N, C-alpha and C. Protein backbone atom coordinates (compact mmCIF):
# COMPACT_ATOMS: atom_id res chain seq x y z
N MET A 1 14.28 7.01 17.42
CA MET A 1 13.74 8.19 16.77
C MET A 1 14.43 8.35 15.41
N ALA A 2 13.65 8.64 14.39
CA ALA A 2 14.17 8.79 13.04
C ALA A 2 14.90 10.12 12.89
N GLU A 3 16.00 10.08 12.19
CA GLU A 3 16.78 11.29 11.90
C GLU A 3 16.13 12.02 10.73
N THR A 4 16.03 13.35 10.80
CA THR A 4 15.45 14.15 9.71
C THR A 4 16.57 14.63 8.81
N ILE A 5 16.36 14.50 7.50
CA ILE A 5 17.35 14.90 6.51
C ILE A 5 16.62 15.64 5.39
N ASN A 6 17.26 16.70 4.85
CA ASN A 6 16.58 17.45 3.80
C ASN A 6 16.71 16.74 2.44
N ILE A 7 15.88 17.13 1.51
CA ILE A 7 15.81 16.46 0.21
C ILE A 7 17.16 16.48 -0.51
N HIS A 8 17.84 17.60 -0.51
CA HIS A 8 19.12 17.69 -1.22
C HIS A 8 20.13 16.69 -0.64
N ALA A 9 20.22 16.63 0.67
CA ALA A 9 21.15 15.68 1.30
C ALA A 9 20.74 14.24 1.00
N ALA A 10 19.43 13.98 0.99
CA ALA A 10 18.96 12.62 0.69
C ALA A 10 19.33 12.23 -0.74
N LYS A 11 19.21 13.16 -1.68
CA LYS A 11 19.56 12.86 -3.07
C LYS A 11 21.05 12.61 -3.22
N THR A 12 21.85 13.42 -2.59
CA THR A 12 23.30 13.29 -2.78
C THR A 12 23.90 12.14 -1.98
N GLN A 13 23.23 11.70 -0.92
CA GLN A 13 23.77 10.64 -0.07
C GLN A 13 22.89 9.39 -0.06
N LEU A 14 22.11 9.19 -1.12
CA LEU A 14 21.15 8.09 -1.12
C LEU A 14 21.80 6.73 -0.88
N SER A 15 22.90 6.45 -1.52
CA SER A 15 23.56 5.15 -1.34
C SER A 15 23.96 4.93 0.12
N LYS A 16 24.51 5.94 0.74
CA LYS A 16 24.91 5.83 2.15
C LYS A 16 23.69 5.66 3.04
N LEU A 17 22.63 6.42 2.74
CA LEU A 17 21.41 6.30 3.54
C LEU A 17 20.82 4.90 3.44
N LEU A 18 20.81 4.34 2.24
CA LEU A 18 20.25 3.01 2.05
C LEU A 18 21.04 1.95 2.80
N LYS A 19 22.35 2.11 2.87
CA LYS A 19 23.16 1.17 3.66
C LYS A 19 22.79 1.25 5.13
N ARG A 20 22.56 2.47 5.62
CA ARG A 20 22.18 2.64 7.02
C ARG A 20 20.77 2.12 7.27
N VAL A 21 19.89 2.32 6.31
CA VAL A 21 18.52 1.81 6.43
C VAL A 21 18.54 0.28 6.48
N ALA A 22 19.40 -0.33 5.67
CA ALA A 22 19.53 -1.79 5.67
C ALA A 22 19.98 -2.31 7.03
N GLN A 23 20.64 -1.47 7.81
CA GLN A 23 21.08 -1.85 9.16
C GLN A 23 20.03 -1.52 10.22
N GLY A 24 18.85 -1.02 9.76
CA GLY A 24 17.75 -0.79 10.69
C GLY A 24 17.42 0.65 11.02
N GLU A 25 18.19 1.60 10.50
CA GLU A 25 17.91 3.00 10.80
C GLU A 25 16.74 3.52 9.98
N GLU A 26 16.10 4.59 10.46
CA GLU A 26 15.02 5.26 9.74
C GLU A 26 15.35 6.73 9.56
N PHE A 27 14.85 7.31 8.46
CA PHE A 27 15.06 8.71 8.19
C PHE A 27 13.75 9.36 7.78
N ILE A 28 13.59 10.62 8.16
CA ILE A 28 12.47 11.43 7.70
C ILE A 28 13.07 12.38 6.68
N ILE A 29 12.51 12.40 5.47
CA ILE A 29 12.97 13.32 4.43
C ILE A 29 12.06 14.54 4.47
N ALA A 30 12.67 15.72 4.58
CA ALA A 30 11.92 16.95 4.74
C ALA A 30 12.18 17.92 3.59
N ASN A 31 11.18 18.71 3.29
CA ASN A 31 11.28 19.77 2.29
C ASN A 31 11.05 21.09 3.01
N HIS A 32 12.09 21.91 3.11
CA HIS A 32 12.05 23.16 3.85
C HIS A 32 11.60 22.93 5.29
N GLY A 33 12.11 21.86 5.90
CA GLY A 33 11.82 21.55 7.29
C GLY A 33 10.50 20.84 7.53
N LYS A 34 9.70 20.65 6.47
CA LYS A 34 8.40 19.98 6.63
C LYS A 34 8.55 18.51 6.21
N PRO A 35 8.27 17.57 7.08
CA PRO A 35 8.39 16.15 6.74
C PRO A 35 7.49 15.77 5.57
N VAL A 36 8.05 15.05 4.58
CA VAL A 36 7.26 14.62 3.43
C VAL A 36 7.33 13.12 3.17
N ALA A 37 8.33 12.44 3.72
CA ALA A 37 8.46 11.00 3.47
C ALA A 37 9.28 10.36 4.58
N ARG A 38 9.10 9.04 4.70
CA ARG A 38 9.87 8.26 5.67
C ARG A 38 10.65 7.20 4.90
N LEU A 39 11.92 7.08 5.17
CA LEU A 39 12.78 6.06 4.58
C LEU A 39 13.06 5.05 5.68
N SER A 40 12.52 3.84 5.53
CA SER A 40 12.67 2.84 6.58
C SER A 40 12.91 1.47 5.96
N PRO A 41 13.42 0.53 6.76
CA PRO A 41 13.68 -0.81 6.24
C PRO A 41 12.40 -1.48 5.75
N GLU A 42 12.52 -2.26 4.71
CA GLU A 42 11.39 -3.03 4.17
C GLU A 42 11.09 -4.18 5.11
N VAL A 43 9.82 -4.34 5.41
CA VAL A 43 9.38 -5.44 6.26
C VAL A 43 8.75 -6.47 5.34
N SER A 44 9.46 -7.57 5.14
CA SER A 44 8.91 -8.59 4.25
C SER A 44 7.87 -9.41 5.01
N ARG A 45 6.78 -9.66 4.33
CA ARG A 45 5.70 -10.43 4.92
C ARG A 45 5.66 -11.79 4.25
N LYS A 46 5.79 -12.83 5.03
CA LYS A 46 5.76 -14.16 4.48
C LYS A 46 4.32 -14.55 4.18
N ARG A 47 4.08 -14.97 2.96
CA ARG A 47 2.75 -15.40 2.57
C ARG A 47 2.52 -16.84 3.00
N THR A 48 1.31 -17.10 3.41
CA THR A 48 0.93 -18.46 3.80
C THR A 48 -0.16 -18.93 2.86
N PRO A 49 0.22 -19.71 1.83
CA PRO A 49 -0.80 -20.19 0.90
C PRO A 49 -1.86 -21.01 1.60
N GLY A 50 -3.09 -20.78 1.21
CA GLY A 50 -4.20 -21.55 1.75
C GLY A 50 -4.65 -21.13 3.13
N ARG A 51 -4.23 -19.98 3.61
CA ARG A 51 -4.60 -19.60 4.97
C ARG A 51 -6.08 -19.30 5.10
N PHE A 52 -6.79 -19.06 3.99
CA PHE A 52 -8.22 -18.84 4.04
C PHE A 52 -9.01 -20.03 3.50
N ALA A 53 -8.36 -21.16 3.39
CA ALA A 53 -9.00 -22.35 2.82
C ALA A 53 -10.22 -22.79 3.62
N ASP A 54 -10.21 -22.55 4.92
CA ASP A 54 -11.34 -22.97 5.76
C ASP A 54 -12.41 -21.89 5.89
N ALA A 55 -12.19 -20.76 5.22
CA ALA A 55 -13.16 -19.66 5.32
C ALA A 55 -14.49 -20.08 4.67
N THR A 56 -15.55 -19.51 5.18
CA THR A 56 -16.87 -19.79 4.64
C THR A 56 -16.94 -19.27 3.21
N SER A 57 -17.43 -20.10 2.31
CA SER A 57 -17.55 -19.67 0.92
C SER A 57 -19.02 -19.57 0.53
N ILE A 58 -19.26 -18.89 -0.56
CA ILE A 58 -20.62 -18.72 -1.05
C ILE A 58 -20.96 -19.92 -1.93
N PRO A 59 -22.05 -20.62 -1.64
CA PRO A 59 -22.43 -21.77 -2.47
C PRO A 59 -22.74 -21.33 -3.91
N ASP A 60 -22.44 -22.19 -4.87
CA ASP A 60 -22.66 -21.86 -6.27
C ASP A 60 -24.08 -21.41 -6.56
N GLU A 61 -25.06 -22.05 -5.95
CA GLU A 61 -26.45 -21.70 -6.24
C GLU A 61 -26.79 -20.27 -5.80
N VAL A 62 -26.07 -19.75 -4.80
CA VAL A 62 -26.27 -18.37 -4.37
C VAL A 62 -25.41 -17.43 -5.21
N PHE A 63 -24.18 -17.83 -5.47
CA PHE A 63 -23.25 -16.98 -6.22
C PHE A 63 -23.78 -16.68 -7.63
N PHE A 64 -24.36 -17.67 -8.28
CA PHE A 64 -24.82 -17.51 -9.65
C PHE A 64 -26.29 -17.08 -9.75
N GLU A 65 -26.89 -16.74 -8.64
CA GLU A 65 -28.27 -16.28 -8.62
C GLU A 65 -28.35 -14.91 -9.33
N PRO A 66 -29.36 -14.68 -10.16
CA PRO A 66 -29.46 -13.39 -10.85
C PRO A 66 -29.60 -12.23 -9.86
N LEU A 67 -29.07 -11.08 -10.26
CA LEU A 67 -29.17 -9.88 -9.43
C LEU A 67 -30.58 -9.32 -9.53
N ASP A 68 -31.02 -8.67 -8.44
CA ASP A 68 -32.31 -7.99 -8.55
C ASP A 68 -32.10 -6.70 -9.35
N ASP A 69 -33.19 -6.05 -9.75
CA ASP A 69 -33.11 -4.88 -10.63
C ASP A 69 -32.28 -3.75 -10.04
N GLU A 70 -32.38 -3.52 -8.73
CA GLU A 70 -31.64 -2.44 -8.08
C GLU A 70 -30.13 -2.70 -8.14
N GLU A 71 -29.70 -3.93 -7.81
CA GLU A 71 -28.28 -4.27 -7.88
C GLU A 71 -27.77 -4.23 -9.31
N GLN A 72 -28.56 -4.72 -10.25
CA GLN A 72 -28.17 -4.70 -11.66
C GLN A 72 -27.95 -3.27 -12.13
N ALA A 73 -28.82 -2.36 -11.72
CA ALA A 73 -28.69 -0.95 -12.10
C ALA A 73 -27.40 -0.36 -11.56
N LEU A 74 -27.01 -0.74 -10.35
CA LEU A 74 -25.76 -0.23 -9.78
C LEU A 74 -24.55 -0.69 -10.58
N TRP A 75 -24.56 -1.93 -11.06
CA TRP A 75 -23.45 -2.44 -11.86
C TRP A 75 -23.40 -1.79 -13.24
N GLU A 76 -24.52 -1.35 -13.74
CA GLU A 76 -24.57 -0.75 -15.07
C GLU A 76 -24.42 0.75 -15.05
N LYS A 77 -24.32 1.35 -13.87
CA LYS A 77 -24.19 2.80 -13.73
C LYS A 77 -22.89 3.24 -14.39
N PRO A 78 -22.93 4.30 -15.22
CA PRO A 78 -21.70 4.78 -15.87
C PRO A 78 -20.67 5.27 -14.85
N VAL A 79 -19.43 5.06 -15.16
CA VAL A 79 -18.34 5.48 -14.30
C VAL A 79 -17.98 6.92 -14.65
N ALA A 80 -17.87 7.78 -13.64
CA ALA A 80 -17.50 9.17 -13.86
C ALA A 80 -16.04 9.27 -14.28
N THR A 81 -15.74 10.12 -15.24
CA THR A 81 -14.37 10.34 -15.69
C THR A 81 -14.03 11.80 -15.51
N ASP A 82 -12.74 12.11 -15.52
CA ASP A 82 -12.29 13.49 -15.34
C ASP A 82 -12.20 14.26 -16.65
N GLU A 83 -12.68 13.67 -17.72
CA GLU A 83 -12.56 14.32 -19.03
C GLU A 83 -13.57 15.41 -19.20
């Protein structure tokens, strides 16, 4: 079970917490008792180059086929902005 620690304690003891996390411990960082983040060890994922090499691919004659009007219109649709 992860230990809960408040934000102020996490800020002041970050180096110590990181050493404990490196040893496998987890912490929940809380703001006024409400959990807002989890501090846990990094799980490295080993990449396997070429693992999808045998996957089915799209033949060039299909990939480069022109889009129909409906699909073309979707690609040309303006992108909404927050401005």
